[in-house]
N, C-alpha and C. Protein backbone atom coordinates (compact mmCIF):
# COMPACT_ATOMS: atom_id res chain seq x y z
N MET A 1 22.31 8.58 25.00
CA MET A 1 21.68 9.27 26.09
C MET A 1 21.35 8.31 27.23
N LEU A 2 20.99 7.09 26.89
CA LEU A 2 20.63 6.12 27.92
C LEU A 2 21.84 5.38 28.50
N ALA A 3 22.98 5.49 27.83
CA ALA A 3 24.18 4.80 28.29
C ALA A 3 24.81 5.56 29.46
N PRO A 4 25.49 4.84 30.35
CA PRO A 4 26.25 5.53 31.40
C PRO A 4 27.29 6.46 30.77
N ALA A 5 27.68 7.49 31.48
CA ALA A 5 28.57 8.52 30.93
C ALA A 5 29.87 7.94 30.36
N ASP A 6 30.43 6.94 31.01
CA ASP A 6 31.70 6.40 30.54
C ASP A 6 31.55 5.48 29.32
N ARG A 7 30.32 5.15 28.95
CA ARG A 7 30.10 4.26 27.81
C ARG A 7 29.30 4.93 26.69
N ARG A 8 29.19 6.24 26.72
CA ARG A 8 28.39 6.95 25.71
C ARG A 8 28.96 6.83 24.29
N PRO A 9 30.28 6.88 24.08
CA PRO A 9 30.77 6.69 22.70
C PRO A 9 30.37 5.32 22.12
N ALA A 10 30.47 4.29 22.92
CA ALA A 10 30.06 2.96 22.45
C ALA A 10 28.56 2.91 22.23
N GLY A 11 27.81 3.54 23.09
CA GLY A 11 26.36 3.59 22.94
C GLY A 11 25.96 4.35 21.68
N ALA A 12 26.66 5.44 21.39
CA ALA A 12 26.38 6.21 20.17
C ALA A 12 26.70 5.39 18.93
N ALA A 13 27.81 4.68 18.93
CA ALA A 13 28.17 3.84 17.79
C ALA A 13 27.14 2.74 17.57
N LEU A 14 26.69 2.14 18.65
CA LEU A 14 25.66 1.11 18.54
C LEU A 14 24.35 1.69 18.02
N ALA A 15 23.99 2.88 18.47
CA ALA A 15 22.76 3.53 18.01
C ALA A 15 22.83 3.84 16.53
N VAL A 16 23.97 4.32 16.05
CA VAL A 16 24.13 4.62 14.63
C VAL A 16 24.02 3.34 13.81
N ALA A 17 24.70 2.29 14.23
CA ALA A 17 24.65 1.02 13.50
C ALA A 17 23.22 0.47 13.46
N ALA A 18 22.53 0.55 14.57
CA ALA A 18 21.15 0.06 14.62
C ALA A 18 20.23 0.90 13.72
N ALA A 19 20.42 2.21 13.71
CA ALA A 19 19.58 3.08 12.89
C ALA A 19 19.80 2.81 11.40
N VAL A 20 21.05 2.66 11.00
CA VAL A 20 21.35 2.39 9.59
C VAL A 20 20.79 1.03 9.18
N GLY A 21 21.02 0.02 10.00
CA GLY A 21 20.49 -1.31 9.70
C GLY A 21 18.97 -1.33 9.64
N ALA A 22 18.34 -0.69 10.59
CA ALA A 22 16.88 -0.66 10.63
C ALA A 22 16.30 0.11 9.45
N SER A 23 17.01 1.13 9.00
CA SER A 23 16.54 1.90 7.84
C SER A 23 16.51 1.03 6.58
N PHE A 24 17.56 0.25 6.37
CA PHE A 24 17.59 -0.61 5.19
C PHE A 24 16.55 -1.72 5.27
N VAL A 25 16.40 -2.30 6.44
CA VAL A 25 15.39 -3.35 6.60
C VAL A 25 13.99 -2.75 6.44
N GLY A 26 13.75 -1.62 7.05
CA GLY A 26 12.44 -0.97 6.95
C GLY A 26 12.09 -0.61 5.52
N LEU A 27 13.05 -0.07 4.79
CA LEU A 27 12.81 0.29 3.39
C LEU A 27 12.51 -0.96 2.56
N GLY A 28 13.26 -2.01 2.81
CA GLY A 28 13.02 -3.26 2.08
C GLY A 28 11.64 -3.83 2.34
N LEU A 29 11.14 -3.67 3.55
CA LEU A 29 9.79 -4.15 3.87
C LEU A 29 8.71 -3.19 3.39
N ARG A 30 9.02 -1.90 3.42
CA ARG A 30 8.00 -0.91 3.09
C ARG A 30 7.72 -0.80 1.60
N ARG A 31 8.73 -0.97 0.77
CA ARG A 31 8.52 -0.83 -0.67
C ARG A 31 7.41 -1.73 -1.20
N PRO A 32 7.45 -3.03 -0.95
CA PRO A 32 6.36 -3.87 -1.44
C PRO A 32 5.02 -3.55 -0.75
N ALA A 33 5.08 -3.17 0.52
CA ALA A 33 3.85 -2.84 1.24
C ALA A 33 3.21 -1.58 0.66
N MET A 34 4.03 -0.61 0.23
CA MET A 34 3.48 0.62 -0.36
C MET A 34 2.75 0.32 -1.66
N GLU A 35 3.25 -0.62 -2.43
CA GLU A 35 2.57 -0.98 -3.67
C GLU A 35 1.19 -1.56 -3.39
N ARG A 36 1.07 -2.27 -2.28
CA ARG A 36 -0.20 -2.92 -1.96
C ARG A 36 -1.14 -2.03 -1.15
N TYR A 37 -0.60 -1.31 -0.16
CA TYR A 37 -1.45 -0.57 0.78
C TYR A 37 -1.36 0.95 0.65
N GLY A 38 -0.41 1.47 -0.08
CA GLY A 38 -0.25 2.91 -0.24
C GLY A 38 0.73 3.51 0.75
N GLN A 39 1.18 4.71 0.42
CA GLN A 39 2.22 5.36 1.21
C GLN A 39 1.73 5.81 2.59
N ALA A 40 0.54 6.38 2.66
CA ALA A 40 0.05 6.91 3.95
C ALA A 40 -0.15 5.79 4.97
N THR A 41 -0.75 4.70 4.55
CA THR A 41 -1.02 3.59 5.47
C THR A 41 0.28 2.97 5.96
N THR A 42 1.21 2.72 5.04
CA THR A 42 2.46 2.10 5.47
C THR A 42 3.29 3.05 6.31
N GLY A 43 3.20 4.36 6.02
CA GLY A 43 3.91 5.34 6.84
C GLY A 43 3.38 5.38 8.26
N PHE A 44 2.06 5.31 8.39
CA PHE A 44 1.45 5.28 9.73
C PHE A 44 1.89 4.04 10.50
N VAL A 45 1.86 2.90 9.84
CA VAL A 45 2.27 1.65 10.51
C VAL A 45 3.75 1.72 10.90
N GLU A 46 4.58 2.24 10.01
CA GLU A 46 6.01 2.36 10.30
C GLU A 46 6.23 3.27 11.52
N ASP A 47 5.54 4.40 11.55
CA ASP A 47 5.67 5.32 12.69
C ASP A 47 5.20 4.67 13.99
N ALA A 48 4.12 3.92 13.93
CA ALA A 48 3.61 3.24 15.12
C ALA A 48 4.61 2.22 15.64
N ILE A 49 5.25 1.51 14.73
CA ILE A 49 6.27 0.52 15.13
C ILE A 49 7.45 1.21 15.80
N VAL A 50 7.91 2.31 15.19
CA VAL A 50 9.04 3.04 15.76
C VAL A 50 8.70 3.58 17.15
N LEU A 51 7.52 4.14 17.32
CA LEU A 51 7.12 4.64 18.63
C LEU A 51 7.02 3.52 19.66
N ALA A 52 6.51 2.37 19.26
CA ALA A 52 6.40 1.25 20.19
C ALA A 52 7.78 0.76 20.62
N ILE A 53 8.71 0.68 19.69
CA ILE A 53 10.07 0.25 20.03
C ILE A 53 10.73 1.27 20.94
N ALA A 54 10.57 2.56 20.63
CA ALA A 54 11.15 3.60 21.49
C ALA A 54 10.59 3.53 22.90
N GLN A 55 9.29 3.33 23.01
CA GLN A 55 8.66 3.22 24.33
C GLN A 55 9.19 2.00 25.09
N ALA A 56 9.38 0.90 24.39
CA ALA A 56 9.92 -0.31 25.02
C ALA A 56 11.34 -0.08 25.53
N VAL A 57 12.16 0.60 24.74
CA VAL A 57 13.53 0.88 25.16
C VAL A 57 13.54 1.79 26.37
N ILE A 58 12.76 2.84 26.33
CA ILE A 58 12.73 3.79 27.45
C ILE A 58 12.19 3.15 28.71
N SER A 59 11.15 2.32 28.59
CA SER A 59 10.57 1.71 29.78
C SER A 59 11.51 0.69 30.42
N GLN A 60 12.44 0.14 29.65
CA GLN A 60 13.43 -0.77 30.22
C GLN A 60 14.44 -0.02 31.07
N ARG A 61 14.66 1.23 30.76
CA ARG A 61 15.64 2.04 31.46
C ARG A 61 15.15 2.51 32.82
N THR A 62 13.84 2.74 32.95
CA THR A 62 13.31 3.30 34.19
C THR A 62 12.88 2.24 35.15
């Protein structure tokens, strides 16, 4: 969506690769954290991180 029209397929491929990679990294970090802090706390922190990254990406575009 943020890529220019002529580069959207490449942008979509990059977004998919980043999402898959981030999912594996996030899960690897969250599993031990859930054992220590619980699911609700780690879920909140994970969501806050995702929102902060999304805001940073969007603010770079405008």
